[in-house]
Amino acid sequence: MNAQQELLSLRGVQAMTDLDSAGIFRLVRLGDFPAPVRTDRCAPTWNASEVSDWVQRRITAERGGKIA
């Protein structure tokens, strides 16, 4: 599995974003965060590259749209 297909658990998303689970699911409901990927597992998982892109967009927005 390559990096673009890597899936993250809820804990992995929390570690990457510093959001708690309630915050993650609230942002998903609002359409402001990538939706979880449905797999045959019961637990939700997220596409790692989508979460990474979301983090990068937040950093860019926080810096006034300037890329460091």
C-alpha atoms as a PDB file:
ATOM      1  CA  MET A   1       0.000   0.000   0.000  1.00  0.00           C
ATOM      2  CA  ASN A   2       1.511   3.346  -0.963  1.00  0.00           C
ATOM      3  CA  ALA A   3       1.300   6.547   1.115  1.00  0.00           C
ATOM      4  CA  GLN A   4      -1.659   7.865  -0.868  1.00  0.00           C
ATOM      5  CA  GLN A   5      -3.664   4.764   0.001  1.00  0.00           C
ATOM      6  CA  GLU A   6      -2.639   4.564   3.657  1.00  0.00           C
ATOM      7  CA  LEU A   7      -5.553   4.579   6.064  1.00  0.00           C
ATOM      8  CA  LEU A   8      -5.499   6.197   9.483  1.00  0.00           C
ATOM      9  CA  SER A   9      -7.431   5.141  12.545  1.00  0.00           C
ATOM     10  CA  LEU A  10      -9.277   7.708  14.633  1.00  0.00           C
ATOM     11  CA  ARG A  11      -6.275   7.808  16.967  1.00  0.00           C
ATOM     12  CA  GLY A  12      -3.982   8.430  14.008  1.00  0.00           C
ATOM     13  CA  VAL A  13      -6.159  11.316  12.839  1.00  0.00           C
ATOM     14  CA  GLN A  14      -6.230  12.733  16.361  1.00  0.00           C
ATOM     15  CA  ALA A  15      -2.440  12.581  16.537  1.00  0.00           C
ATOM     16  CA  MET A  16      -2.041  14.218  13.126  1.00  0.00           C
ATOM     17  CA  THR A  17      -4.548  17.023  13.729  1.00  0.00           C
ATOM     18  CA  ASP A  18      -4.526  17.542  17.515  1.00  0.00           C
ATOM     19  CA  LEU A  19      -8.353  17.381  17.412  1.00  0.00           C
ATOM     20  CA  ASP A  20     -10.450  15.226  19.708  1.00  0.00           C
ATOM     21  CA  SER A  21     -12.923  12.726  18.274  1.00  0.00           C
ATOM     22  CA  ALA A  22     -15.923  15.026  18.819  1.00  0.00           C
ATOM     23  CA  GLY A  23     -14.152  17.816  16.930  1.00  0.00           C
ATOM     24  CA  ILE A  24     -13.254  15.531  14.041  1.00  0.00           C
ATOM     25  CA  PHE A  25     -16.802  14.235  13.616  1.00  0.00           C
ATOM     26  CA  ARG A  26     -18.253  17.745  13.996  1.00  0.00           C
ATOM     27  CA  LEU A  27     -16.023  19.003  11.175  1.00  0.00           C
ATOM     28  CA  VAL A  28     -16.966  15.967   9.052  1.00  0.00           C
ATOM     29  CA  ARG A  29     -20.678  16.769   9.566  1.00  0.00           C
ATOM     30  CA  LEU A  30     -20.041  20.382   8.571  1.00  0.00           C
ATOM     31  CA  GLY A  31     -18.176  19.266   5.445  1.00  0.00           C
ATOM     32  CA  ASP A  32     -14.966  20.898   6.677  1.00  0.00           C
ATOM     33  CA  PHE A  33     -12.958  17.693   7.161  1.00  0.00           C
ATOM     34  CA  PRO A  34     -12.485  14.573   5.033  1.00  0.00           C
ATOM     35  CA  ALA A  35     -15.144  11.938   5.611  1.00  0.00           C
ATOM     36  CA  PRO A  36     -14.046   8.555   6.905  1.00  0.00           C
ATOM     37  CA  VAL A  37     -13.506   5.740   4.432  1.00  0.00           C
ATOM     38  CA  ARG A  38     -15.890   2.836   4.813  1.00  0.00           C
ATOM     39  CA  THR A  39     -14.044  -0.473   5.020  1.00  0.00           C
ATOM     40  CA  ASP A  40     -15.110  -3.879   6.223  1.00  0.00           C
ATOM     41  CA  ARG A  41     -13.845  -2.970   9.683  1.00  0.00           C
ATOM     42  CA  CYS A  42     -16.253  -1.522  12.220  1.00  0.00           C
ATOM     43  CA  ALA A  43     -13.973   1.364  13.141  1.00  0.00           C
ATOM     44  CA  PRO A  44     -13.824   4.440  10.886  1.00  0.00           C
ATOM     45  CA  THR A  45     -10.621   5.086   8.950  1.00  0.00           C
ATOM     46  CA  TRP A  46      -9.413   8.085   6.961  1.00  0.00           C
ATOM     47  CA  ASN A  47      -7.304   8.449   3.846  1.00  0.00           C
ATOM     48  CA  ALA A  48      -3.940   9.681   5.153  1.00  0.00           C
ATOM     49  CA  SER A  49      -3.240  11.958   2.186  1.00  0.00           C
ATOM     50  CA  GLU A  50      -6.637  13.681   2.540  1.00  0.00           C
ATOM     51  CA  VAL A  51      -5.992  14.360   6.217  1.00  0.00           C
ATOM     52  CA  SER A  52      -2.468  15.566   5.446  1.00  0.00           C
ATOM     53  CA  ASP A  53      -3.840  17.920   2.757  1.00  0.00           C
ATOM     54  CA  TRP A  54      -6.412  19.255   5.250  1.00  0.00           C
ATOM     55  CA  VAL A  55      -3.642  19.949   7.783  1.00  0.00           C
ATOM     56  CA  GLN A  56      -1.557  21.733   5.136  1.00  0.00           C
ATOM     57  CA  ARG A  57      -4.527  23.903   4.089  1.00  0.00           C
ATOM     58  CA  ARG A  58      -5.090  24.883   7.741  1.00  0.00           C
ATOM     59  CA  ILE A  59      -1.434  25.841   8.136  1.00  0.00           C
ATOM     60  CA  THR A  60      -1.518  27.868   4.918  1.00  0.00           C
ATOM     61  CA  ALA A  61      -4.731  29.636   5.944  1.00  0.00           C
ATOM     62  CA  GLU A  62      -3.319  30.382   9.401  1.00  0.00           C
ATOM     63  CA  ARG A  63      -0.300  32.022   7.789  1.00  0.00           C
ATOM     64  CA  GLY A  64      -2.441  34.267   5.647  1.00  0.00           C
ATOM     65  CA  GLY A  65      -2.245  32.089   2.545  1.00  0.00           C
ATOM     66  CA  LYS A  66       1.552  32.231   2.456  1.00  0.00           C
ATOM     67  CA  ILE A  67       3.477  29.013   2.048  1.00  0.00           C
ATOM     68  CA  ALA A  68       6.617  28.938   4.192  1.00  0.00           C
END
